[in-house]
Amino acid sequence: MEQNEGMGGGATWWSGGIEEQYYWGAASLAQLGWAISSFRRGYAGDSRLMPIKAFGIASLFLGSVATATMGSLRASGIRSWLSVLP
């Protein structure tokens, strides 16, 4: 963890602070909510745009899983892949 010099050295969201996992969790929850609301809204409009909307919704679901995973890793103390490798 880096310390912020000149700013008191407190834990902040950009330096790997204690509250960092809450930002990852909030981002995951926002993406998941947006994906579910888009999915429930269903298809409307031109049929040529349906694959683009499906790709967008799938990307939101995958993004929410990725941000939840990063939040879990950060909360457990894993900061880089070098900490996982033997």
N, C-alpha and C. Protein backbone atom coordinates (compact mmCIF):
# COMPACT_ATOMS: atom_id res chain seq x y z
N MET A 1 0.83 -1.18 0.00
CA MET A 1 0.00 0.00 0.00
C MET A 1 0.88 1.24 0.00
N GLU A 2 0.52 2.17 -0.82
CA GLU A 2 1.25 3.42 -0.88
C GLU A 2 0.68 4.41 0.12
N GLN A 3 1.55 5.22 0.64
CA GLN A 3 1.11 6.29 1.53
C GLN A 3 1.10 7.59 0.72
N ASN A 4 0.11 8.40 0.95
CA ASN A 4 0.02 9.70 0.29
C ASN A 4 0.83 10.70 1.08
N GLU A 5 1.92 11.15 0.51
CA GLU A 5 2.76 12.11 1.20
C GLU A 5 2.21 13.51 0.96
N GLY A 6 2.25 14.31 1.99
CA GLY A 6 1.75 15.67 1.88
C GLY A 6 0.26 15.79 2.15
N MET A 7 -0.43 14.66 2.26
CA MET A 7 -1.87 14.70 2.52
C MET A 7 -2.21 13.96 3.81
N GLY A 8 -1.22 13.80 4.68
CA GLY A 8 -1.50 13.14 5.94
C GLY A 8 -1.30 11.63 5.90
N GLY A 9 -1.12 11.04 4.73
CA GLY A 9 -0.87 9.61 4.63
C GLY A 9 -2.05 8.74 4.99
N GLY A 10 -3.26 9.26 4.96
CA GLY A 10 -4.43 8.48 5.30
C GLY A 10 -4.81 7.50 4.20
N ALA A 11 -5.64 6.53 4.55
CA ALA A 11 -6.10 5.55 3.57
C ALA A 11 -7.12 6.21 2.64
N THR A 12 -6.86 6.13 1.37
CA THR A 12 -7.76 6.70 0.38
C THR A 12 -8.09 5.65 -0.66
N TRP A 13 -9.05 5.92 -1.48
CA TRP A 13 -9.51 4.92 -2.43
C TRP A 13 -8.49 4.63 -3.52
N TRP A 14 -7.61 5.53 -3.84
CA TRP A 14 -6.65 5.29 -4.91
C TRP A 14 -5.35 4.67 -4.41
N SER A 15 -5.15 4.58 -3.13
CA SER A 15 -3.90 4.03 -2.62
C SER A 15 -4.07 2.67 -1.98
N GLY A 16 -5.17 1.99 -2.24
CA GLY A 16 -5.39 0.69 -1.65
C GLY A 16 -5.85 0.76 -0.22
N GLY A 17 -6.64 1.77 0.09
CA GLY A 17 -7.10 1.97 1.45
C GLY A 17 -8.12 0.93 1.88
N ILE A 18 -8.53 1.04 3.12
CA ILE A 18 -9.43 0.06 3.71
C ILE A 18 -10.79 0.08 3.01
N GLU A 19 -11.27 1.24 2.62
CA GLU A 19 -12.61 1.34 2.05
C GLU A 19 -12.64 1.06 0.54
N GLU A 20 -11.54 0.63 -0.03
CA GLU A 20 -11.48 0.40 -1.47
C GLU A 20 -12.47 -0.67 -1.94
N GLN A 21 -12.67 -1.74 -1.18
CA GLN A 21 -13.57 -2.81 -1.61
C GLN A 21 -15.01 -2.32 -1.72
N TYR A 22 -15.36 -1.27 -0.98
CA TYR A 22 -16.72 -0.74 -1.08
C TYR A 22 -16.96 -0.08 -2.44
N TYR A 23 -15.93 0.55 -3.00
CA TYR A 23 -16.06 1.14 -4.33
C TYR A 23 -16.23 0.05 -5.39
N TRP A 24 -15.45 -1.04 -5.25
CA TRP A 24 -15.59 -2.15 -6.19
C TRP A 24 -16.98 -2.78 -6.05
N GLY A 25 -17.48 -2.93 -4.83
CA GLY A 25 -18.80 -3.49 -4.62
C GLY A 25 -19.90 -2.61 -5.17
N ALA A 26 -19.75 -1.29 -4.98
CA ALA A 26 -20.76 -0.37 -5.52
C ALA A 26 -20.77 -0.39 -7.04
N ALA A 27 -19.58 -0.47 -7.65
CA ALA A 27 -19.51 -0.54 -9.12
C ALA A 27 -20.15 -1.83 -9.63
N SER A 28 -19.89 -2.93 -8.93
CA SER A 28 -20.48 -4.21 -9.32
C SER A 28 -21.99 -4.18 -9.20
N LEU A 29 -22.48 -3.63 -8.11
CA LEU A 29 -23.92 -3.55 -7.90
C LEU A 29 -24.59 -2.65 -8.93
N ALA A 30 -23.95 -1.54 -9.28
CA ALA A 30 -24.51 -0.64 -10.30
C ALA A 30 -24.57 -1.32 -11.66
N GLN A 31 -23.51 -2.03 -12.03
CA GLN A 31 -23.51 -2.72 -13.32
C GLN A 31 -24.54 -3.84 -13.35
N LEU A 32 -24.65 -4.58 -12.25
CA LEU A 32 -25.62 -5.66 -12.21
C LEU A 32 -27.05 -5.11 -12.28
N GLY A 33 -27.32 -4.03 -11.57
CA GLY A 33 -28.65 -3.41 -11.63
C GLY A 33 -29.00 -2.90 -13.01
N TRP A 34 -28.02 -2.28 -13.66
CA TRP A 34 -28.24 -1.78 -15.02
C TRP A 34 -28.48 -2.94 -15.98
N ALA A 35 -27.73 -4.04 -15.83
CA ALA A 35 -27.91 -5.20 -16.70
C ALA A 35 -29.29 -5.84 -16.50
N ILE A 36 -29.71 -5.98 -15.25
CA ILE A 36 -31.01 -6.59 -14.98
C ILE A 36 -32.14 -5.72 -15.50
N SER A 37 -32.02 -4.40 -15.30
CA SER A 37 -33.10 -3.52 -15.79
C SER A 37 -33.15 -3.52 -17.32
N SER A 38 -32.00 -3.56 -17.97
CA SER A 38 -31.99 -3.63 -19.44
C SER A 38 -32.54 -4.95 -19.93
N PHE A 39 -32.22 -6.03 -19.24
CA PHE A 39 -32.71 -7.35 -19.62
C PHE A 39 -34.22 -7.46 -19.44
N ARG A 40 -34.73 -6.91 -18.33
CA ARG A 40 -36.17 -6.98 -18.07
C ARG A 40 -36.97 -6.07 -18.98
N ARG A 41 -36.35 -4.97 -19.43
CA ARG A 41 -37.04 -4.05 -20.33
C ARG A 41 -37.35 -4.74 -21.65
N GLY A 42 -36.49 -5.69 -22.02
CA GLY A 42 -36.73 -6.47 -23.21
C GLY A 42 -36.30 -5.78 -24.48
N TYR A 43 -36.74 -6.34 -25.57
CA TYR A 43 -36.35 -5.86 -26.89
C TYR A 43 -37.38 -4.86 -27.39
N ALA A 44 -36.90 -3.74 -27.88
CA ALA A 44 -37.77 -2.75 -28.51
C ALA A 44 -36.95 -2.03 -29.57
N GLY A 45 -37.55 -1.85 -30.69
CA GLY A 45 -36.87 -1.11 -31.74
C GLY A 45 -36.57 -1.95 -32.96
N ASP A 46 -35.59 -1.51 -33.69
CA ASP A 46 -35.20 -2.13 -34.95
C ASP A 46 -34.54 -3.49 -34.70
N SER A 47 -34.92 -4.49 -35.48
CA SER A 47 -34.39 -5.84 -35.27
C SER A 47 -32.90 -5.93 -35.59
N ARG A 48 -32.39 -5.00 -36.38
CA ARG A 48 -30.96 -5.03 -36.70
C ARG A 48 -30.10 -4.65 -35.49
N LEU A 49 -30.67 -3.97 -34.52
CA LEU A 49 -29.92 -3.55 -33.34
C LEU A 49 -29.97 -4.56 -32.20
N MET A 50 -30.73 -5.64 -32.37
CA MET A 50 -30.87 -6.62 -31.31
C MET A 50 -29.53 -7.25 -30.91
N PRO A 51 -28.65 -7.65 -31.83
CA PRO A 51 -27.36 -8.22 -31.41
C PRO A 51 -26.49 -7.24 -30.62
N ILE A 52 -26.58 -5.96 -30.95
CA ILE A 52 -25.80 -4.96 -30.24
C ILE A 52 -26.30 -4.82 -28.80
N LYS A 53 -27.63 -4.82 -28.64
CA LYS A 53 -28.19 -4.73 -27.30
C LYS A 53 -27.86 -5.98 -26.49
N ALA A 54 -27.93 -7.14 -27.11
CA ALA A 54 -27.60 -8.38 -26.41
C ALA A 54 -26.14 -8.39 -25.98
N PHE A 55 -25.25 -7.91 -26.85
CA PHE A 55 -23.84 -7.83 -26.50
C PHE A 55 -23.62 -6.84 -25.35
N GLY A 56 -24.32 -5.73 -25.37
CA GLY A 56 -24.20 -4.75 -24.30
C GLY A 56 -24.65 -5.29 -22.95
N ILE A 57 -25.77 -6.00 -22.94
CA ILE A 57 -26.28 -6.57 -21.69
C ILE A 57 -25.33 -7.66 -21.18
N ALA A 58 -24.83 -8.50 -22.08
CA ALA A 58 -23.87 -9.53 -21.67
C ALA A 58 -22.60 -8.91 -21.12
N SER A 59 -22.16 -7.81 -21.71
CA SER A 59 -20.96 -7.11 -21.22
C SER A 59 -21.20 -6.54 -19.83
N LEU A 60 -22.39 -6.04 -19.57
CA LEU A 60 -22.70 -5.54 -18.22
C LEU A 60 -22.69 -6.66 -17.19
N PHE A 61 -23.25 -7.82 -17.53
CA PHE A 61 -23.22 -8.95 -16.61
C PHE A 61 -21.79 -9.40 -16.33
N LEU A 62 -20.98 -9.53 -17.39
CA LEU A 62 -19.59 -9.94 -17.20
C LEU A 62 -18.79 -8.89 -16.44
N GLY A 63 -19.07 -7.62 -16.71
CA GLY A 63 -18.38 -6.55 -16.00
C GLY A 63 -18.71 -6.55 -14.52
N SER A 64 -19.95 -6.84 -14.18
CA SER A 64 -20.32 -6.88 -12.76
C SER A 64 -19.64 -8.04 -12.05
N VAL A 65 -19.49 -9.16 -12.74
CA VAL A 65 -18.77 -10.30 -12.15
C VAL A 65 -17.29 -9.96 -11.97
N ALA A 66 -16.71 -9.28 -12.96
CA ALA A 66 -15.30 -8.91 -12.87
C ALA A 66 -15.04 -7.92 -11.74
N THR A 67 -15.89 -6.93 -11.59
CA THR A 67 -15.68 -5.96 -10.52
C THR A 67 -15.95 -6.57 -9.14
N ALA A 68 -16.90 -7.50 -9.05
CA ALA A 68 -17.12 -8.19 -7.78
C ALA A 68 -15.91 -9.06 -7.42
N THR A 69 -15.32 -9.69 -8.42
CA THR A 69 -14.12 -10.50 -8.19
C THR A 69 -12.96 -9.63 -7.73
N MET A 70 -12.77 -8.49 -8.37
CA MET A 70 -11.68 -7.59 -7.97
C MET A 70 -11.90 -7.07 -6.55
N GLY A 71 -13.13 -6.75 -6.22
CA GLY A 71 -13.43 -6.30 -4.87
C GLY A 71 -13.15 -7.37 -3.84
N SER A 72 -13.48 -8.62 -4.16
CA SER A 72 -13.20 -9.72 -3.25
C SER A 72 -11.71 -9.93 -3.07
N LEU A 73 -10.96 -9.85 -4.17
CA LEU A 73 -9.51 -10.01 -4.08
C LEU A 73 -8.88 -8.88 -3.27
N ARG A 74 -9.34 -7.66 -3.51
CA ARG A 74 -8.80 -6.52 -2.76
C ARG A 74 -9.16 -6.61 -1.28
N ALA A 75 -10.37 -7.06 -0.98
CA ALA A 75 -10.79 -7.17 0.42
C ALA A 75 -10.00 -8.25 1.16
N SER A 76 -9.58 -9.31 0.44
CA SER A 76 -8.82 -10.37 1.08
C SER A 76 -7.34 -10.06 1.17
N GLY A 77 -6.92 -8.93 0.63
CA GLY A 77 -5.52 -8.52 0.76
C GLY A 77 -4.65 -8.84 -0.42
N ILE A 78 -5.19 -9.41 -1.47
CA ILE A 78 -4.40 -9.73 -2.66
C ILE A 78 -4.36 -8.48 -3.53
N ARG A 79 -3.17 -7.91 -3.69
CA ARG A 79 -3.02 -6.65 -4.43
C ARG A 79 -2.45 -6.86 -5.82
N SER A 80 -1.77 -7.98 -6.07
CA SER A 80 -1.22 -8.23 -7.41
C SER A 80 -1.14 -9.73 -7.64
N TRP A 81 -0.90 -10.10 -8.89
CA TRP A 81 -0.80 -11.52 -9.22
C TRP A 81 0.46 -12.14 -8.63
N LEU A 82 1.45 -11.33 -8.34
CA LEU A 82 2.68 -11.86 -7.75
C LEU A 82 2.44 -12.39 -6.35
N SER A 83 1.43 -11.89 -5.64
CA SER A 83 1.12 -12.42 -4.32
C SER A 83 0.46 -13.78 -4.39
N VAL A 84 -0.12 -14.13 -5.54
CA VAL A 84 -0.81 -15.40 -5.69
C VAL A 84 0.15 -16.49 -6.13
N LEU A 85 1.13 -16.13 -6.96
CA LEU A 85 2.07 -17.11 -7.49
C LEU A 85 3.00 -17.62 -6.40
N PRO A 86 3.38 -18.91 -6.49
CA PRO A 86 4.28 -19.47 -5.45
C PRO A 86 5.69 -18.95 -5.54
